[in-house]
């Protein structure tokens, strides 16, 4: 894999000026622990939007991290909402019967 390709898949989690958390790159077996530690924090109103439009190569590891983020948010009494989920992630969540849990149905 060339460095340019590796850089484009590197995981970045950023919050924009509107408070929307954007996930860029891939959540993989190698960075899943870091992704879990980087779980989005709740906004002041108890609602948190996470934009997944730049999530790359979604697989079962990605799905597991996103489920854990929902669980962590609920434990804090927050409402986490995923926006712009890639179709591959939607398909995997549906196949795994967790699309409702993630709000992707």
C-alpha atoms as a PDB file:
ATOM      1  CA  UNK A   1       0.000   0.000   0.000  1.00  0.00           C
ATOM      2  CA  UNK A   2       1.435   3.368  -0.978  1.00  0.00           C
ATOM      3  CA  UNK A   3       1.857   6.076   1.680  1.00  0.00           C
ATOM      4  CA  UNK A   4      -0.773   8.251  -0.019  1.00  0.00           C
ATOM      5  CA  UNK A   5      -3.345   5.468   0.244  1.00  0.00           C
ATOM      6  CA  UNK A   6      -2.395   4.723   3.848  1.00  0.00           C
ATOM      7  CA  UNK A   7      -2.742   8.411   4.765  1.00  0.00           C
ATOM      8  CA  UNK A   8      -6.201   8.652   3.184  1.00  0.00           C
ATOM      9  CA  UNK A   9      -7.410   5.740   5.356  1.00  0.00           C
ATOM     10  CA  UNK A  10      -5.886   7.000   8.627  1.00  0.00           C
ATOM     11  CA  UNK A  11      -8.534   7.527  11.262  1.00  0.00           C
ATOM     12  CA  UNK A  12      -9.344  11.107  12.268  1.00  0.00           C
ATOM     13  CA  UNK A  13     -12.219  12.185  14.479  1.00  0.00           C
ATOM     14  CA  UNK A  14     -12.940  15.901  14.413  1.00  0.00           C
ATOM     15  CA  UNK A  15     -15.674  18.186  15.703  1.00  0.00           C
ATOM     16  CA  UNK A  16     -16.814  21.059  13.491  1.00  0.00           C
ATOM     17  CA  UNK A  17     -18.062  24.503  14.545  1.00  0.00           C
ATOM     18  CA  UNK A  18     -21.672  23.239  14.710  1.00  0.00           C
ATOM     19  CA  UNK A  19     -20.661  20.486  17.150  1.00  0.00           C
ATOM     20  CA  UNK A  20     -21.032  17.647  14.619  1.00  0.00           C
ATOM     21  CA  UNK A  21     -18.384  14.970  15.018  1.00  0.00           C
ATOM     22  CA  UNK A  22     -16.949  13.762  11.701  1.00  0.00           C
ATOM     23  CA  UNK A  23     -15.234  10.410  11.300  1.00  0.00           C
ATOM     24  CA  UNK A  24     -12.626  10.346   8.522  1.00  0.00           C
ATOM     25  CA  UNK A  25     -10.812   7.231   7.329  1.00  0.00           C
ATOM     26  CA  UNK A  26     -11.140   3.627   8.390  1.00  0.00           C
ATOM     27  CA  UNK A  27     -11.802   2.050  11.780  1.00  0.00           C
ATOM     28  CA  UNK A  28      -9.717  -1.122  11.647  1.00  0.00           C
ATOM     29  CA  UNK A  29      -8.554  -3.943  13.853  1.00  0.00           C
ATOM     30  CA  UNK A  30      -5.316  -1.972  14.330  1.00  0.00           C
ATOM     31  CA  UNK A  31      -6.883   1.294  15.503  1.00  0.00           C
ATOM     32  CA  UNK A  32     -10.138   0.090  17.106  1.00  0.00           C
ATOM     33  CA  UNK A  33      -8.824   0.574  20.660  1.00  0.00           C
ATOM     34  CA  UNK A  34      -7.847   4.156  19.809  1.00  0.00           C
ATOM     35  CA  UNK A  35     -11.272   4.699  18.235  1.00  0.00           C
ATOM     36  CA  UNK A  36     -12.971   3.410  21.383  1.00  0.00           C
ATOM     37  CA  UNK A  37     -10.939   5.825  23.515  1.00  0.00           C
ATOM     38  CA  UNK A  38     -11.847   8.646  21.117  1.00  0.00           C
ATOM     39  CA  UNK A  39     -15.578   8.137  21.584  1.00  0.00           C
ATOM     40  CA  UNK A  40     -17.414  11.389  20.890  1.00  0.00           C
ATOM     41  CA  UNK A  41     -18.358  13.403  23.961  1.00  0.00           C
ATOM     42  CA  UNK A  42     -21.876  14.645  24.472  1.00  0.00           C
ATOM     43  CA  UNK A  43     -22.808  18.168  23.536  1.00  0.00           C
ATOM     44  CA  UNK A  44     -24.382  20.486  26.091  1.00  0.00           C
ATOM     45  CA  UNK A  45     -27.941  19.626  25.098  1.00  0.00           C
ATOM     46  CA  UNK A  46     -27.364  15.880  25.492  1.00  0.00           C
ATOM     47  CA  UNK A  47     -27.511  15.207  21.765  1.00  0.00           C
ATOM     48  CA  UNK A  48     -24.566  14.275  19.611  1.00  0.00           C
ATOM     49  CA  UNK A  49     -24.484  13.940  15.840  1.00  0.00           C
ATOM     50  CA  UNK A  50     -21.742  11.870  14.210  1.00  0.00           C
ATOM     51  CA  UNK A  51     -21.207  12.261  10.463  1.00  0.00           C
ATOM     52  CA  UNK A  52     -20.028   9.012   8.890  1.00  0.00           C
ATOM     53  CA  UNK A  53     -19.893  10.218   5.273  1.00  0.00           C
ATOM     54  CA  UNK A  54     -16.074   9.980   5.228  1.00  0.00           C
ATOM     55  CA  UNK A  55     -15.892   6.584   6.989  1.00  0.00           C
ATOM     56  CA  UNK A  56     -13.853   4.276   4.750  1.00  0.00           C
ATOM     57  CA  UNK A  57     -14.001   0.507   4.377  1.00  0.00           C
ATOM     58  CA  UNK A  58     -16.656  -0.158   7.012  1.00  0.00           C
ATOM     59  CA  UNK A  59     -16.547  -3.722   8.323  1.00  0.00           C
ATOM     60  CA  UNK A  60     -17.435  -5.646  11.470  1.00  0.00           C
ATOM     61  CA  UNK A  61     -14.741  -3.837  13.459  1.00  0.00           C
ATOM     62  CA  UNK A  62     -16.203  -0.467  12.456  1.00  0.00           C
ATOM     63  CA  UNK A  63     -19.648  -1.710  13.375  1.00  0.00           C
ATOM     64  CA  UNK A  64     -18.472  -2.907  16.801  1.00  0.00           C
ATOM     65  CA  UNK A  65     -16.877   0.473  17.582  1.00  0.00           C
ATOM     66  CA  UNK A  66     -20.013   2.358  16.518  1.00  0.00           C
ATOM     67  CA  UNK A  67     -22.153   0.093  18.722  1.00  0.00           C
ATOM     68  CA  UNK A  68     -19.788   0.734  21.652  1.00  0.00           C
ATOM     69  CA  UNK A  69     -20.044   4.501  21.079  1.00  0.00           C
ATOM     70  CA  UNK A  70     -23.843   4.261  21.272  1.00  0.00           C
ATOM     71  CA  UNK A  71     -23.585   2.272  24.504  1.00  0.00           C
ATOM     72  CA  UNK A  72     -21.152   4.794  26.018  1.00  0.00           C
ATOM     73  CA  UNK A  73     -23.399   7.700  25.036  1.00  0.00           C
ATOM     74  CA  UNK A  74     -26.474   6.015  26.528  1.00  0.00           C
ATOM     75  CA  UNK A  75     -24.574   5.316  29.740  1.00  0.00           C
ATOM     76  CA  UNK A  76     -23.979   9.086  29.994  1.00  0.00           C
ATOM     77  CA  UNK A  77     -27.657   9.763  29.288  1.00  0.00           C
ATOM     78  CA  UNK A  78     -26.932  11.133  25.820  1.00  0.00           C
ATOM     79  CA  UNK A  79     -28.576  10.627  22.457  1.00  0.00           C
ATOM     80  CA  UNK A  80     -26.040   9.766  19.758  1.00  0.00           C
ATOM     81  CA  UNK A  81     -27.192   9.956  16.146  1.00  0.00           C
ATOM     82  CA  UNK A  82     -25.264   8.717  13.113  1.00  0.00           C
ATOM     83  CA  UNK A  83     -25.610  10.775   9.936  1.00  0.00           C
ATOM     84  CA  UNK A  84     -24.703   9.968   6.318  1.00  0.00           C
ATOM     85  CA  UNK A  85     -23.738   6.352   6.948  1.00  0.00           C
ATOM     86  CA  UNK A  86     -22.153   4.712   3.886  1.00  0.00           C
ATOM     87  CA  UNK A  87     -24.329   2.126   2.169  1.00  0.00           C
ATOM     88  CA  UNK A  88     -21.889  -0.691   2.958  1.00  0.00           C
ATOM     89  CA  UNK A  89     -22.172   0.065   6.672  1.00  0.00           C
ATOM     90  CA  UNK A  90     -25.964   0.242   6.390  1.00  0.00           C
ATOM     91  CA  UNK A  91     -26.002  -3.149   4.675  1.00  0.00           C
ATOM     92  CA  UNK A  92     -23.734  -4.733   7.289  1.00  0.00           C
ATOM     93  CA  UNK A  93     -25.769  -3.272  10.153  1.00  0.00           C
ATOM     94  CA  UNK A  94     -28.990  -4.561   8.579  1.00  0.00           C
ATOM     95  CA  UNK A  95     -27.488  -8.020   8.027  1.00  0.00           C
ATOM     96  CA  UNK A  96     -26.322  -8.028  11.665  1.00  0.00           C
ATOM     97  CA  UNK A  97     -29.739  -6.811  12.831  1.00  0.00           C
ATOM     98  CA  UNK A  98     -28.293  -3.756  14.603  1.00  0.00           C
ATOM     99  CA  UNK A  99     -29.472  -1.066  12.174  1.00  0.00           C
ATOM    100  CA  UNK A 100     -32.230  -0.075  14.605  1.00  0.00           C
ATOM    101  CA  UNK A 101     -29.771   0.116  17.502  1.00  0.00           C
ATOM    102  CA  UNK A 102     -27.591   2.453  15.455  1.00  0.00           C
ATOM    103  CA  UNK A 103     -30.534   4.424  14.102  1.00  0.00           C
ATOM    104  CA  UNK A 104     -29.763   3.395  10.527  1.00  0.00           C
ATOM    105  CA  UNK A 105     -33.133   1.867   9.673  1.00  0.00           C
END
